[in-house]
Amino acid sequence: MNKPIFFSGLCMLLMATAYAQSNDYRVVFDLTSRDTINQQTVVREIGLIRNANPEAQLEVVIYGQGLDLAVRGRSAQESAVQKLIADGKAKFKVCAMTMKRNNISTDQLVPGVEVVPDGIYEILTKQREGWGYIKVAH
C-alpha cells in the first residue's frame, strides 16, 4: 500500500474521531428511582460532565418513582436542579403520564422542569437522534 495515502487516510480518520468526540457529547439520563442517592448521583454527574465539557448537551428524563426529583419540596436536590436548569447546564423533563398517576400539576414542579407526554418515548427519541443513554442506579 502506498505510504502517503495510508498516512493521509489515518490522519483524516483521527481528525474525524476527535471532532466527533468533542462536538457530539449528548447524553440522556433515565431516572425512575426515588432513592436520594440516585438523585444526588445524577446531579453530581451532570456537574462533572459540564465541567469537563461545557458544550455537552444533557437531559434527565424523570418518570415512575423518580418524580420526587422534579416536585418542589420533595427533593434534597431541588436547589441544585434549579441551578442546573437556570445555568443552562441540563434539561430536566418529567413524564406527563407519571404526573397524572400521582395527581401532580405543573405548578408543583421545580421551576424550569419541562413536561413531556411520555418519558420512555422521550428517551427513545433521543437515542434515535444519537444521544448516549445512562440509567441512573446504584
Protein backbone atom coordinates (compact mmCIF):
# COMPACT_ATOMS: atom_id res chain seq x y z
CA MET A 1 0.00 0.00 0.00
CA ASN A 2 1.20 3.49 -0.77
CA LYS A 3 2.51 5.03 2.48
CA PRO A 4 1.40 8.64 1.77
CA ILE A 5 -2.15 7.53 1.01
CA PHE A 6 -2.27 5.32 4.11
CA PHE A 7 -0.88 8.13 6.29
CA SER A 8 -3.36 10.67 4.87
CA GLY A 9 -6.26 8.30 5.47
CA LEU A 10 -5.13 7.64 9.02
CA CYS A 11 -4.85 11.39 9.72
CA MET A 12 -8.35 12.00 8.34
CA LEU A 13 -9.76 9.19 10.50
CA LEU A 14 -8.11 10.56 13.64
CA MET A 15 -9.36 14.10 12.90
CA ALA A 16 -12.91 12.87 12.34
CA THR A 17 -12.82 10.88 15.57
CA ALA A 18 -11.53 13.85 17.57
CA TYR A 19 -14.16 16.14 16.03
CA ALA A 20 -16.98 13.70 16.80
CA GLN A 21 -15.88 13.27 20.39
CA SER A 22 -15.55 16.97 21.12
CA ASN A 23 -18.70 18.23 19.40
CA ASP A 24 -21.18 15.43 19.82
CA TYR A 25 -21.46 14.91 23.58
CA ARG A 26 -25.18 14.32 24.12
CA VAL A 27 -26.47 12.18 26.98
CA VAL A 28 -29.96 11.40 28.23
CA PHE A 29 -30.23 10.15 31.81
CA ASP A 30 -33.11 7.83 32.77
CA LEU A 31 -34.27 8.41 36.37
CA THR A 32 -37.03 6.19 37.76
CA SER A 33 -35.94 5.91 41.38
CA ARG A 34 -36.97 7.98 44.37
CA ASP A 35 -33.73 6.97 46.09
CA THR A 36 -31.94 10.12 47.24
CA ILE A 37 -28.55 8.62 46.34
CA ASN A 38 -29.66 8.25 42.72
CA GLN A 39 -30.96 11.82 42.68
CA GLN A 40 -27.69 13.09 44.11
CA THR A 41 -25.73 10.98 41.62
CA VAL A 42 -27.43 12.40 38.54
CA VAL A 43 -26.92 15.98 39.75
CA ARG A 44 -23.25 15.28 40.53
CA GLU A 45 -22.61 13.56 37.19
CA ILE A 46 -24.13 16.45 35.25
CA GLY A 47 -21.84 18.87 37.07
CA LEU A 48 -18.78 16.73 36.39
CA ILE A 49 -19.61 16.33 32.71
CA ARG A 50 -20.30 20.03 32.21
CA ASN A 51 -17.04 20.97 33.95
CA ALA A 52 -15.13 18.65 31.62
CA ASN A 53 -17.11 19.57 28.50
CA PRO A 54 -19.14 22.81 28.76
CA GLU A 55 -20.70 22.17 25.35
CA ALA A 56 -22.22 18.82 26.37
CA GLN A 57 -25.97 18.51 25.93
CA LEU A 58 -27.52 16.77 28.92
CA GLU A 59 -31.09 15.80 29.69
CA VAL A 60 -32.64 13.99 32.63
CA VAL A 61 -35.91 12.20 31.90
CA ILE A 62 -37.89 11.55 35.06
CA TYR A 63 -40.76 9.10 35.35
CA GLY A 64 -42.13 6.44 37.67
CA GLN A 65 -40.87 6.76 41.23
CA GLY A 66 -38.25 9.33 40.16
CA LEU A 67 -40.96 12.00 40.18
CA ASP A 68 -39.87 13.39 43.55
CA LEU A 69 -36.77 14.96 42.00
CA ALA A 70 -38.99 17.21 39.88
CA VAL A 71 -41.56 18.20 42.53
CA ARG A 72 -40.99 21.26 44.71
CA GLY A 73 -40.43 20.37 48.36
CA ARG A 74 -39.81 16.67 47.77
CA SER A 75 -36.12 16.51 46.94
CA ALA A 76 -32.94 17.39 48.78
CA GLN A 77 -31.54 18.21 45.31
CA GLU A 78 -34.16 20.85 44.49
CA SER A 79 -31.83 23.85 44.65
CA ALA A 80 -29.14 22.02 42.65
CA VAL A 81 -31.70 21.11 39.97
CA GLN A 82 -32.89 24.72 39.80
CA LYS A 83 -29.30 25.93 39.43
CA LEU A 84 -28.50 23.44 36.65
CA ILE A 85 -31.64 24.49 34.78
CA ALA A 86 -31.02 28.22 35.30
CA ASP A 87 -27.38 27.90 34.19
CA GLY A 88 -28.48 26.03 31.06
CA LYS A 89 -26.33 23.06 32.04
CA ALA A 90 -29.07 20.47 31.68
CA LYS A 91 -32.73 19.98 30.91
CA PHE A 92 -34.97 18.09 33.28
CA LYS A 93 -38.09 16.57 31.76
CA VAL A 94 -40.88 14.75 33.55
CA CYS A 95 -43.44 12.34 32.13
CA ALA A 96 -47.00 13.70 31.94
CA MET A 97 -48.45 10.22 32.49
CA THR A 98 -46.46 9.86 35.72
CA MET A 99 -47.68 13.26 36.85
CA LYS A 100 -51.27 12.29 36.13
CA ARG A 101 -50.98 8.98 38.03
CA ASN A 102 -49.60 10.87 41.03
CA ASN A 103 -52.00 13.82 40.86
CA ILE A 104 -49.18 16.32 40.33
CA SER A 105 -49.85 19.52 38.39
CA THR A 106 -47.30 21.59 36.51
CA ASP A 107 -47.39 24.34 39.14
CA GLN A 108 -46.00 21.83 41.67
CA LEU A 109 -42.86 21.22 39.62
CA VAL A 110 -39.45 22.73 40.29
CA PRO A 111 -39.29 25.88 38.13
CA GLY A 112 -37.84 25.11 34.72
CA VAL A 113 -38.69 21.42 34.68
CA GLU A 114 -40.36 20.59 31.38
CA VAL A 115 -43.22 18.14 30.83
CA VAL A 116 -43.14 15.55 28.04
CA PRO A 117 -46.12 13.38 27.08
CA ASP A 118 -44.23 10.10 27.66
CA GLY A 119 -40.87 9.71 29.40
CA ILE A 120 -39.94 6.46 27.68
CA TYR A 121 -40.78 7.88 24.27
CA GLU A 122 -38.60 10.93 25.06
CA ILE A 123 -35.66 8.62 25.82
CA LEU A 124 -36.22 6.54 22.68
CA THR A 125 -36.39 9.70 20.58
CA LYS A 126 -33.08 10.93 21.98
CA GLN A 127 -31.48 7.54 21.32
CA ARG A 128 -32.70 7.60 17.70
CA GLU A 129 -31.08 11.04 17.41
CA GLY A 130 -27.76 9.52 18.51
CA TRP A 131 -27.77 10.52 22.18
CA GLY A 132 -25.99 8.30 24.68
CA TYR A 133 -28.12 6.65 27.35
CA ILE A 134 -27.40 6.32 31.06
CA LYS A 135 -29.74 4.54 33.51
CA VAL A 136 -29.33 6.22 36.89
CA ALA A 137 -28.99 3.49 39.51
CA HIS A 138 -26.61 2.23 42.14
